[in-house]
Amino acid sequence: MFQGFTEKTGGFLWELAFNNERPWFLAHKQEFEDVVNTPFKAMAAETFEQLNARCPDFEGRLHVSRIYRDARRLFGRGPYKDHMWFSIKASDVLLEGPMFWFEVGPSEYSFGCGFYSATPVQMDAFRRSIDANPARFLRLAKAAERDGWELDGPGYTRPKGSFDDPLLNAWYNRKRVGLSKSFDWGEAGYSPALPQTVVDGYIQLMDMYKYFMEVYLSCPGEMTRSH
């Protein structure tokens, strides 16, 4: 059962960021297990369980990251990540398809929903869906904005289109799209109620997730594997 993160969680990740080498990590591996890995896995499991309990029709799989970077993709960085994340998504391919996610880092935790792995073909389908019914998508985008979610994802240098509404333009002219909230470590992040808080956020975003899924499923040729 998740008991909450502690000040030591972010503290360890800060130290790891400045001591990102195998000898240091091995000397502090038990601390990693105690203050980061064990509570993080409990957080992931409880969040997934609560989401399924509150949304019994939701179909998703839980993917939990590892602290180790892919040795083939270090690019001069140390062998360990200074953050950990999990995702909940329909696709069984790790980085494919729309997802809910949660991440912890040295100074903050964050969570949200996005279609960050969308291909150009899928993003073309996303824009066509907006073109077909801009009012429908705008209702979803405005609801997310009212609830305090921040739009993220890289934008195009040259816009793909233009609408009278600036919010619709912001969504339409991105290479990938997502919504997130970030919080500094503090009382809420140390609370055993954090999974409930995160699931409350996922439920706010469920209609947007379903919209992303419509786009994803409309492009079966872009899927690595059917789910």
Protein backbone atom coordinates (compact mmCIF):
# COMPACT_ATOMS: atom_id res chain seq x y z
CA MET A 1 0.00 0.00 0.00
CA PHE A 2 1.22 3.47 -0.85
CA GLN A 3 2.23 5.38 2.29
CA GLY A 4 3.37 8.56 0.57
CA PHE A 5 6.65 9.87 -0.71
CA THR A 6 8.98 11.76 1.65
CA GLU A 7 11.49 14.59 1.46
CA LYS A 8 14.11 11.90 0.92
CA THR A 9 12.53 10.95 -2.42
CA GLY A 10 13.38 14.20 -4.16
CA GLY A 11 16.59 14.47 -2.17
CA PHE A 12 17.86 11.15 -3.47
CA LEU A 13 17.02 12.08 -7.06
CA TRP A 14 18.92 15.38 -6.65
CA GLU A 15 21.97 13.51 -5.38
CA LEU A 16 21.69 11.02 -8.22
CA ALA A 17 21.62 13.87 -10.75
CA PHE A 18 25.01 15.07 -9.44
CA ASN A 19 26.52 11.62 -8.85
CA ASN A 20 25.29 9.76 -11.90
CA GLU A 21 27.77 6.91 -11.95
CA ARG A 22 27.62 3.23 -11.18
CA PRO A 23 29.85 3.13 -8.04
CA TRP A 24 27.81 5.86 -6.30
CA PHE A 25 24.50 4.25 -7.19
CA LEU A 26 25.56 0.80 -6.03
CA ALA A 27 26.71 2.28 -2.71
CA HIS A 28 23.28 3.91 -2.28
CA LYS A 29 21.11 1.25 -3.88
CA GLN A 30 19.27 0.32 -0.68
CA GLU A 31 18.42 3.98 -0.13
CA PHE A 32 17.05 4.10 -3.68
CA GLU A 33 14.86 1.08 -2.96
CA ASP A 34 13.58 2.51 0.32
CA VAL A 35 12.84 6.13 -0.58
CA VAL A 36 12.20 6.02 -4.35
CA ASN A 37 11.57 2.64 -5.94
CA THR A 38 9.35 0.99 -3.33
CA PRO A 39 6.97 3.95 -2.81
CA PHE A 40 6.93 4.67 -6.55
CA LYS A 41 5.87 1.13 -7.45
CA ALA A 42 3.21 1.26 -4.72
CA MET A 43 2.00 4.60 -6.11
CA ALA A 44 1.75 3.13 -9.62
CA ALA A 45 -0.12 0.04 -8.49
CA GLU A 46 -2.59 1.91 -6.31
CA THR A 47 -3.27 4.57 -8.95
CA PHE A 48 -3.95 1.87 -11.53
CA GLU A 49 -6.22 -0.01 -9.13
CA GLN A 50 -8.21 3.10 -8.21
CA LEU A 51 -8.62 4.14 -11.85
CA ASN A 52 -9.99 0.73 -12.76
CA ALA A 53 -12.32 0.74 -9.75
CA ARG A 54 -13.73 4.17 -10.56
CA CYS A 55 -13.85 3.65 -14.34
CA PRO A 56 -14.70 -0.06 -14.79
CA ASP A 57 -15.13 0.34 -18.57
CA PHE A 58 -11.62 1.73 -18.97
CA GLU A 59 -9.19 -0.66 -20.65
CA GLY A 60 -5.55 0.05 -20.00
CA ARG A 61 -2.20 -1.42 -19.06
CA LEU A 62 0.27 -0.14 -16.50
CA HIS A 63 3.85 0.50 -17.63
CA VAL A 64 6.41 1.42 -14.94
CA SER A 65 9.77 2.93 -15.91
CA ARG A 66 13.12 1.69 -14.66
CA ILE A 67 15.84 3.90 -13.22
CA TYR A 68 18.36 2.59 -15.76
CA ARG A 69 18.89 4.42 -19.04
CA ASP A 70 19.19 2.42 -22.24
CA ALA A 71 22.94 1.89 -22.60
CA ARG A 72 22.60 2.43 -26.37
CA ARG A 73 21.19 5.93 -25.84
CA LEU A 74 23.31 7.54 -23.13
CA PHE A 75 24.57 10.38 -25.37
CA GLY A 76 27.14 11.41 -22.79
CA ARG A 77 24.74 11.19 -19.85
CA GLY A 78 25.07 8.98 -16.80
CA PRO A 79 23.56 5.49 -16.74
CA TYR A 80 20.64 6.42 -14.45
CA LYS A 81 17.58 8.63 -14.82
CA ASP A 82 16.97 11.35 -12.23
CA HIS A 83 13.21 10.86 -12.60
CA MET A 84 10.78 7.96 -12.76
CA TRP A 85 7.43 7.69 -14.47
CA PHE A 86 4.58 5.34 -15.12
CA SER A 87 1.93 5.34 -17.81
CA ILE A 88 -1.51 3.80 -18.14
CA LYS A 89 -2.53 3.18 -21.72
CA ALA A 90 -4.43 0.90 -24.07
CA SER A 91 -1.48 -0.02 -26.27
CA ASP A 92 0.86 -2.70 -24.98
CA VAL A 93 3.74 -0.99 -26.82
CA LEU A 94 5.70 1.04 -24.28
CA LEU A 95 5.72 4.46 -25.93
CA GLU A 96 2.80 4.12 -28.34
CA GLY A 97 -0.66 5.63 -28.19
CA PRO A 98 -2.54 8.00 -25.87
CA MET A 99 -1.69 7.67 -22.19
CA PHE A 100 -2.26 8.86 -18.66
CA TRP A 101 1.05 9.36 -16.85
CA PHE A 102 2.69 10.31 -13.57
CA GLU A 103 6.31 11.35 -12.97
CA VAL A 104 8.55 12.12 -10.00
CA GLY A 105 11.74 14.17 -10.22
CA PRO A 106 14.19 15.93 -7.92
CA SER A 107 12.11 19.07 -7.36
CA GLU A 108 8.55 18.21 -8.41
CA TYR A 109 5.99 15.64 -9.40
CA SER A 110 3.64 15.90 -12.34
CA PHE A 111 0.85 14.02 -14.09
CA GLY A 112 -1.50 14.31 -17.00
CA CYS A 113 -2.65 12.83 -20.28
CA GLY A 114 -1.25 13.05 -23.78
CA PHE A 115 -0.61 11.63 -27.22
CA TYR A 116 3.14 12.24 -27.16
CA SER A 117 4.11 9.44 -29.54
CA ALA A 118 1.70 10.51 -32.28
CA THR A 119 3.07 10.10 -35.80
CA PRO A 120 2.63 12.77 -38.49
CA VAL A 121 -0.16 10.65 -39.98
CA GLN A 122 -1.95 10.49 -36.62
CA MET A 123 -1.56 14.23 -36.07
CA ASP A 124 -3.00 14.84 -39.54
CA ALA A 125 -5.98 12.73 -38.45
CA PHE A 126 -6.20 14.77 -35.24
CA ARG A 127 -6.37 18.02 -37.22
CA ARG A 128 -8.97 16.57 -39.59
CA SER A 129 -11.09 15.63 -36.59
CA ILE A 130 -10.94 19.24 -35.38
CA ASP A 131 -11.78 20.50 -38.87
CA ALA A 132 -14.82 18.22 -38.98
CA ASN A 133 -16.23 19.44 -35.66
CA PRO A 134 -14.27 22.28 -34.07
CA ALA A 135 -17.02 23.02 -31.54
CA ARG A 136 -16.79 19.52 -30.08
CA PHE A 137 -13.05 19.68 -29.56
CA LEU A 138 -13.17 23.24 -28.25
CA ARG A 139 -15.56 22.15 -25.49
CA LEU A 140 -13.02 19.55 -24.36
CA ALA A 141 -10.11 21.99 -24.59
CA LYS A 142 -11.93 24.70 -22.64
CA ALA A 143 -12.98 22.23 -19.93
CA ALA A 144 -9.35 21.20 -19.47
CA GLU A 145 -8.26 24.85 -19.35
CA ARG A 146 -10.89 25.66 -16.70
CA ASP A 147 -9.62 22.76 -14.59
CA GLY A 148 -6.11 24.19 -14.66
CA TRP A 149 -4.46 21.78 -17.11
CA GLU A 150 -1.57 23.15 -19.14
CA LEU A 151 -1.24 22.33 -22.83
CA ASP A 152 2.18 20.95 -23.75
CA GLY A 153 3.95 19.53 -26.77
CA PRO A 154 6.24 21.13 -29.39
CA GLY A 155 4.69 23.49 -31.91
CA TYR A 156 5.24 23.89 -35.63
CA THR A 157 7.36 26.77 -36.91
CA ARG A 158 4.84 27.23 -39.70
CA PRO A 159 1.22 26.92 -38.54
CA LYS A 160 -0.88 24.16 -40.06
CA GLY A 161 -4.04 26.24 -39.88
CA SER A 162 -5.77 29.16 -38.23
CA PHE A 163 -8.96 29.61 -36.21
CA ASP A 164 -10.56 32.62 -34.57
CA ASP A 165 -10.16 31.01 -31.16
CA PRO A 166 -6.54 31.17 -29.86
CA LEU A 167 -7.01 28.02 -27.77
CA LEU A 168 -8.03 26.03 -30.83
CA ASN A 169 -4.99 27.41 -32.68
CA ALA A 170 -2.71 26.35 -29.84
CA TRP A 171 -3.92 22.75 -30.09
CA TYR A 172 -4.10 22.61 -33.87
CA ASN A 173 -0.54 23.78 -34.47
CA ARG A 174 1.37 21.29 -32.35
CA LYS A 175 3.43 18.30 -33.45
CA ARG A 176 2.23 16.34 -30.42
CA VAL A 177 -0.29 17.20 -27.74
CA GLY A 178 -0.78 16.65 -24.02
CA LEU A 179 -2.09 18.16 -20.81
CA SER A 180 -0.20 18.31 -17.53
CA LYS A 181 0.00 19.70 -14.01
CA SER A 182 3.23 20.04 -12.04
CA PHE A 183 3.69 20.54 -8.30
CA ASP A 184 6.67 21.25 -6.07
CA TRP A 185 7.30 18.60 -3.46
CA GLY A 186 5.31 19.32 -0.31
CA GLU A 187 2.50 18.06 1.88
CA ALA A 188 0.26 16.89 -0.97
CA GLY A 189 3.08 14.91 -2.56
CA TYR A 190 3.88 13.22 0.75
CA SER A 191 0.27 12.23 1.40
CA PRO A 192 -1.02 8.65 1.12
CA ALA A 193 -4.01 10.23 -0.67
CA LEU A 194 -1.87 11.14 -3.70
CA PRO A 195 -3.19 8.25 -5.87
CA GLN A 196 -6.73 9.51 -5.34
CA THR A 197 -5.68 13.04 -6.29
CA VAL A 198 -4.05 11.78 -9.47
CA VAL A 199 -7.03 9.62 -10.42
CA ASP A 200 -9.34 12.60 -9.85
CA GLY A 201 -7.20 14.37 -12.45
CA TYR A 202 -7.35 11.45 -14.86
CA ILE A 203 -11.13 11.41 -14.63
CA GLN A 204 -11.23 15.12 -15.47
CA LEU A 205 -9.24 14.25 -18.60
CA MET A 206 -11.07 11.04 -19.53
CA ASP A 207 -13.10 12.62 -22.34
CA MET A 208 -9.94 14.08 -23.85
CA TYR A 209 -8.23 10.68 -23.56
CA LYS A 210 -11.16 9.09 -25.39
CA TYR A 211 -10.85 11.73 -28.11
CA PHE A 212 -7.16 10.90 -28.52
CA MET A 213 -8.09 7.21 -28.69
CA GLU A 214 -10.57 7.88 -31.50
CA VAL A 215 -7.75 9.46 -33.49
CA TYR A 216 -5.35 6.64 -32.64
CA LEU A 217 -7.80 3.93 -33.66
CA SER A 218 -8.64 5.74 -36.89
CA CYS A 219 -5.07 5.10 -38.10
CA PRO A 220 -4.58 1.34 -37.71
CA GLY A 221 -1.71 1.31 -40.19
CA GLU A 222 0.32 3.46 -37.77
CA MET A 223 0.08 1.05 -34.84
CA THR A 224 3.11 -1.06 -34.01
CA ARG A 225 0.83 -3.82 -32.74
CA SER A 226 -2.89 -4.08 -32.21
CA HIS A 227 -3.88 -3.91 -28.53
